[in-house]
């Protein structure tokens, strides 16, 4: 094998491996549960491009960003929206989607109740 071919092969392997999550599944679950109520259970934990899990990521996140999508089940407190003259409260949710950056473990956003693409 020529030296040039070896260098190209090494670059291809490095590029392919860069899309793999560096945060393990167990660590992603641990990070997701850290801010959850004590009754939360893990319903699912998947990694992949952000677009695989939600369309509601906002303009600051790219759809091909590699993430962990952790869905928790349990009782999640409702949030009240203060509308002048009419406070609006949503009933407690039974699920929560936590999206973490797969490279760093940073929580990118949380959606309650969980809303994922099929």
Protein backbone atom coordinates (compact mmCIF):
# COMPACT_ATOMS: atom_id res chain seq x y z
CA UNK A 1 0.00 0.00 0.00
CA UNK A 2 1.32 3.40 -0.86
CA UNK A 3 1.78 6.05 1.76
CA UNK A 4 -0.74 8.31 -0.02
CA UNK A 5 -3.40 5.59 0.09
CA UNK A 6 -2.79 5.05 3.81
CA UNK A 7 -3.20 8.77 4.52
CA UNK A 8 -6.47 8.90 2.57
CA UNK A 9 -7.75 5.81 4.38
CA UNK A 10 -6.85 7.34 7.76
CA UNK A 11 -8.69 10.55 6.87
CA UNK A 12 -11.79 8.62 5.84
CA UNK A 13 -11.82 6.63 9.07
CA UNK A 14 -11.32 9.80 11.14
CA UNK A 15 -14.16 11.55 9.31
CA UNK A 16 -16.50 8.57 9.72
CA UNK A 17 -15.72 8.27 13.42
CA UNK A 18 -16.30 11.97 14.07
CA UNK A 19 -20.07 11.46 13.71
CA UNK A 20 -20.14 8.85 16.46
CA UNK A 21 -21.29 10.10 19.84
CA UNK A 22 -18.44 10.68 22.26
CA UNK A 23 -20.90 10.86 25.16
CA UNK A 24 -21.96 7.31 26.01
CA UNK A 25 -25.60 6.27 26.21
CA UNK A 26 -25.28 5.72 29.97
CA UNK A 27 -23.73 9.18 30.47
CA UNK A 28 -26.43 10.83 28.32
CA UNK A 29 -29.12 9.17 30.45
CA UNK A 30 -27.34 10.26 33.65
CA UNK A 31 -27.22 13.86 32.40
CA UNK A 32 -30.89 13.80 31.36
CA UNK A 33 -32.00 12.44 34.72
CA UNK A 34 -29.92 15.00 36.66
CA UNK A 35 -32.54 17.73 36.24
CA UNK A 36 -35.62 15.50 36.25
CA UNK A 37 -38.03 14.84 39.11
CA UNK A 38 -37.26 11.78 41.22
CA UNK A 39 -40.11 9.78 39.69
CA UNK A 40 -38.74 10.02 36.13
CA UNK A 41 -37.99 6.84 34.20
CA UNK A 42 -36.15 6.50 30.90
CA UNK A 43 -38.60 5.63 28.13
CA UNK A 44 -36.00 5.78 25.33
CA UNK A 45 -32.47 6.96 24.57
CA UNK A 46 -31.38 7.30 20.95
CA UNK A 47 -28.60 9.12 19.16
CA UNK A 48 -28.60 10.51 15.66
CA UNK A 49 -29.04 13.73 13.71
CA UNK A 50 -31.29 16.30 15.38
CA UNK A 51 -33.76 16.22 12.46
CA UNK A 52 -34.49 12.57 13.27
CA UNK A 53 -36.09 13.58 16.56
CA UNK A 54 -37.72 16.98 16.17
CA UNK A 55 -38.52 19.80 13.79
CA UNK A 56 -38.80 22.27 16.65
CA UNK A 57 -35.11 22.93 17.29
CA UNK A 58 -35.02 26.63 16.56
CA UNK A 59 -32.72 28.52 14.22
CA UNK A 60 -29.56 28.23 16.34
CA UNK A 61 -29.25 24.44 15.94
CA UNK A 62 -28.43 22.66 12.69
CA UNK A 63 -30.63 19.74 11.68
CA UNK A 64 -27.62 17.47 11.09
CA UNK A 65 -26.09 18.08 14.54
CA UNK A 66 -25.45 14.74 16.27
CA UNK A 67 -27.49 14.52 19.48
CA UNK A 68 -28.83 12.22 22.14
CA UNK A 69 -32.62 12.32 22.43
CA UNK A 70 -33.71 11.06 25.84
CA UNK A 71 -37.43 10.62 26.52
CA UNK A 72 -38.40 10.43 30.17
CA UNK A 73 -41.74 9.32 31.54
CA UNK A 74 -43.19 10.41 34.87
CA UNK A 75 -44.99 13.48 36.22
CA UNK A 76 -43.45 16.75 35.09
CA UNK A 77 -44.70 20.00 36.64
CA UNK A 78 -46.77 22.25 34.45
CA UNK A 79 -45.75 25.71 33.51
CA UNK A 80 -48.03 28.69 33.81
CA UNK A 81 -47.94 31.39 31.19
CA UNK A 82 -48.74 34.80 32.58
CA UNK A 83 -51.22 36.35 30.18
CA UNK A 84 -52.54 39.73 31.33
CA UNK A 85 -55.90 39.14 33.00
CA UNK A 86 -55.83 35.40 32.28
CA UNK A 87 -53.08 33.11 33.62
CA UNK A 88 -52.85 29.91 31.62
CA UNK A 89 -51.60 26.69 33.19
CA UNK A 90 -50.95 23.49 31.33
CA UNK A 91 -51.74 20.27 33.16
CA UNK A 92 -48.80 18.21 34.35
CA UNK A 93 -47.11 16.33 31.52
CA UNK A 94 -46.32 12.63 31.53
CA UNK A 95 -43.26 12.81 29.27
CA UNK A 96 -40.25 15.00 28.58
CA UNK A 97 -37.78 15.09 25.68
CA UNK A 98 -34.25 16.13 26.59
CA UNK A 99 -31.87 16.75 23.69
CA UNK A 100 -28.15 16.67 24.47
CA UNK A 101 -25.17 17.42 22.25
CA UNK A 102 -23.66 13.99 21.55
CA UNK A 103 -20.09 15.32 21.69
CA UNK A 104 -20.23 17.39 24.88
CA UNK A 105 -23.35 16.30 26.78
CA UNK A 106 -24.61 19.91 26.86
CA UNK A 107 -28.39 20.13 27.22
CA UNK A 108 -29.55 21.84 24.03
CA UNK A 109 -33.22 22.01 24.92
CA UNK A 110 -36.08 20.32 26.78
CA UNK A 111 -39.63 19.83 25.52
CA UNK A 112 -42.45 19.00 27.94
CA UNK A 113 -44.42 16.97 27.01
CA UNK A 114 -42.10 15.05 24.70
CA UNK A 115 -42.74 15.79 21.06
CA UNK A 116 -40.71 13.67 18.66
CA UNK A 117 -40.84 13.00 14.96
CA UNK A 118 -42.28 9.56 14.15
